[in-house]
């Protein structure tokens, strides 16, 4: 079965577009933070709402279909559950 939600050329093109940007510097800083501590420690100490928003927006740039499935549809499911 062919997976149609991930387009490799589009991903590579977007990574190239963002190569020399502020996003690239932020990603490097986040990777360095993650490499120094465990993922649970990173989550407890560094992952605030603005950092979480940064990761969600990065997913929207590079993996828009996955972001729609994993974030947007889950939000709608939660809102339906609350109502």
C-alpha atoms as a PDB file:
ATOM      1  CA  UNK A   1       0.000   0.000   0.000  1.00  0.00           C
ATOM      2  CA  UNK A   2       1.315   3.436  -0.940  1.00  0.00           C
ATOM      3  CA  UNK A   3       1.312   6.101   1.762  1.00  0.00           C
ATOM      4  CA  UNK A   4       0.001   9.364   0.301  1.00  0.00           C
ATOM      5  CA  UNK A   5       0.164  11.554   3.407  1.00  0.00           C
ATOM      6  CA  UNK A   6       3.919  12.076   3.173  1.00  0.00           C
ATOM      7  CA  UNK A   7       5.463  13.742   0.156  1.00  0.00           C
ATOM      8  CA  UNK A   8       9.270  13.430   0.274  1.00  0.00           C
ATOM      9  CA  UNK A   9      10.103  16.040  -2.410  1.00  0.00           C
ATOM     10  CA  UNK A  10       7.826  18.592  -0.726  1.00  0.00           C
ATOM     11  CA  UNK A  11       9.461  17.898   2.652  1.00  0.00           C
ATOM     12  CA  UNK A  12      12.987  18.271   1.228  1.00  0.00           C
ATOM     13  CA  UNK A  13      12.026  21.508  -0.539  1.00  0.00           C
ATOM     14  CA  UNK A  14      10.574  22.992   2.657  1.00  0.00           C
ATOM     15  CA  UNK A  15      13.640  21.981   4.669  1.00  0.00           C
ATOM     16  CA  UNK A  16      15.823  23.699   2.058  1.00  0.00           C
ATOM     17  CA  UNK A  17      13.649  26.852   2.219  1.00  0.00           C
ATOM     18  CA  UNK A  18      14.019  27.048   5.997  1.00  0.00           C
ATOM     19  CA  UNK A  19      17.722  26.120   6.063  1.00  0.00           C
ATOM     20  CA  UNK A  20      19.136  29.589   6.801  1.00  0.00           C
ATOM     21  CA  UNK A  21      16.246  30.900   8.862  1.00  0.00           C
ATOM     22  CA  UNK A  22      15.492  31.626  12.478  1.00  0.00           C
ATOM     23  CA  UNK A  23      13.536  28.357  12.530  1.00  0.00           C
ATOM     24  CA  UNK A  24      16.724  26.434  11.775  1.00  0.00           C
ATOM     25  CA  UNK A  25      18.515  28.102  14.699  1.00  0.00           C
ATOM     26  CA  UNK A  26      15.598  27.351  17.033  1.00  0.00           C
ATOM     27  CA  UNK A  27      15.529  23.713  15.921  1.00  0.00           C
ATOM     28  CA  UNK A  28      19.257  23.373  16.607  1.00  0.00           C
ATOM     29  CA  UNK A  29      18.808  24.898  20.085  1.00  0.00           C
ATOM     30  CA  UNK A  30      15.911  22.519  20.814  1.00  0.00           C
ATOM     31  CA  UNK A  31      17.943  19.521  19.654  1.00  0.00           C
ATOM     32  CA  UNK A  32      20.817  20.566  21.900  1.00  0.00           C
ATOM     33  CA  UNK A  33      18.464  20.857  24.887  1.00  0.00           C
ATOM     34  CA  UNK A  34      17.010  17.432  24.133  1.00  0.00           C
ATOM     35  CA  UNK A  35      20.456  15.859  23.807  1.00  0.00           C
ATOM     36  CA  UNK A  36      21.541  17.106  27.248  1.00  0.00           C
ATOM     37  CA  UNK A  37      18.621  15.701  29.239  1.00  0.00           C
ATOM     38  CA  UNK A  38      16.134  12.862  29.000  1.00  0.00           C
ATOM     39  CA  UNK A  39      12.874  13.417  27.161  1.00  0.00           C
ATOM     40  CA  UNK A  40      10.920  13.378  30.438  1.00  0.00           C
ATOM     41  CA  UNK A  41      13.203  16.031  31.970  1.00  0.00           C
ATOM     42  CA  UNK A  42      12.916  18.147  28.812  1.00  0.00           C
ATOM     43  CA  UNK A  43       9.127  17.870  28.979  1.00  0.00           C
ATOM     44  CA  UNK A  44       8.975  18.822  32.647  1.00  0.00           C
ATOM     45  CA  UNK A  45      11.432  21.714  32.548  1.00  0.00           C
ATOM     46  CA  UNK A  46      11.455  23.177  29.045  1.00  0.00           C
ATOM     47  CA  UNK A  47       8.214  22.315  27.288  1.00  0.00           C
ATOM     48  CA  UNK A  48       5.950  25.254  28.027  1.00  0.00           C
ATOM     49  CA  UNK A  49       2.984  26.403  25.944  1.00  0.00           C
ATOM     50  CA  UNK A  50       5.081  28.555  23.587  1.00  0.00           C
ATOM     51  CA  UNK A  51       7.548  25.707  22.918  1.00  0.00           C
ATOM     52  CA  UNK A  52       4.669  23.279  22.337  1.00  0.00           C
ATOM     53  CA  UNK A  53       3.156  25.784  19.906  1.00  0.00           C
ATOM     54  CA  UNK A  54       6.525  25.976  18.133  1.00  0.00           C
ATOM     55  CA  UNK A  55       6.555  22.195  17.644  1.00  0.00           C
ATOM     56  CA  UNK A  56       2.950  22.216  16.383  1.00  0.00           C
ATOM     57  CA  UNK A  57       3.695  25.017  13.909  1.00  0.00           C
ATOM     58  CA  UNK A  58       6.793  23.159  12.716  1.00  0.00           C
ATOM     59  CA  UNK A  59       4.657  20.097  12.116  1.00  0.00           C
ATOM     60  CA  UNK A  60       2.223  22.277  10.171  1.00  0.00           C
ATOM     61  CA  UNK A  61       5.037  23.560   7.938  1.00  0.00           C
ATOM     62  CA  UNK A  62       6.767  20.274   7.230  1.00  0.00           C
ATOM     63  CA  UNK A  63       4.043  17.667   7.783  1.00  0.00           C
ATOM     64  CA  UNK A  64       0.681  19.439   7.296  1.00  0.00           C
ATOM     65  CA  UNK A  65      -1.343  16.275   6.730  1.00  0.00           C
ATOM     66  CA  UNK A  66       0.085  14.564   9.813  1.00  0.00           C
ATOM     67  CA  UNK A  67      -0.516  17.709  11.871  1.00  0.00           C
ATOM     68  CA  UNK A  68      -4.127  17.784  10.726  1.00  0.00           C
ATOM     69  CA  UNK A  69      -4.586  14.143  11.763  1.00  0.00           C
ATOM     70  CA  UNK A  70      -2.664  14.207  15.042  1.00  0.00           C
ATOM     71  CA  UNK A  71      -3.510  17.684  16.334  1.00  0.00           C
ATOM     72  CA  UNK A  72      -6.545  19.208  14.626  1.00  0.00           C
ATOM     73  CA  UNK A  73      -8.720  16.096  14.525  1.00  0.00           C
ATOM     74  CA  UNK A  74      -7.797  15.240  18.131  1.00  0.00           C
ATOM     75  CA  UNK A  75      -8.786  18.775  19.183  1.00  0.00           C
ATOM     76  CA  UNK A  76     -12.148  18.381  17.463  1.00  0.00           C
ATOM     77  CA  UNK A  77     -12.637  14.991  19.139  1.00  0.00           C
ATOM     78  CA  UNK A  78     -11.927  16.540  22.539  1.00  0.00           C
ATOM     79  CA  UNK A  79     -14.316  19.446  21.902  1.00  0.00           C
ATOM     80  CA  UNK A  80     -17.072  17.007  20.870  1.00  0.00           C
ATOM     81  CA  UNK A  81     -16.433  15.004  24.027  1.00  0.00           C
ATOM     82  CA  UNK A  82     -16.704  18.143  26.191  1.00  0.00           C
ATOM     83  CA  UNK A  83     -20.013  19.185  24.600  1.00  0.00           C
END
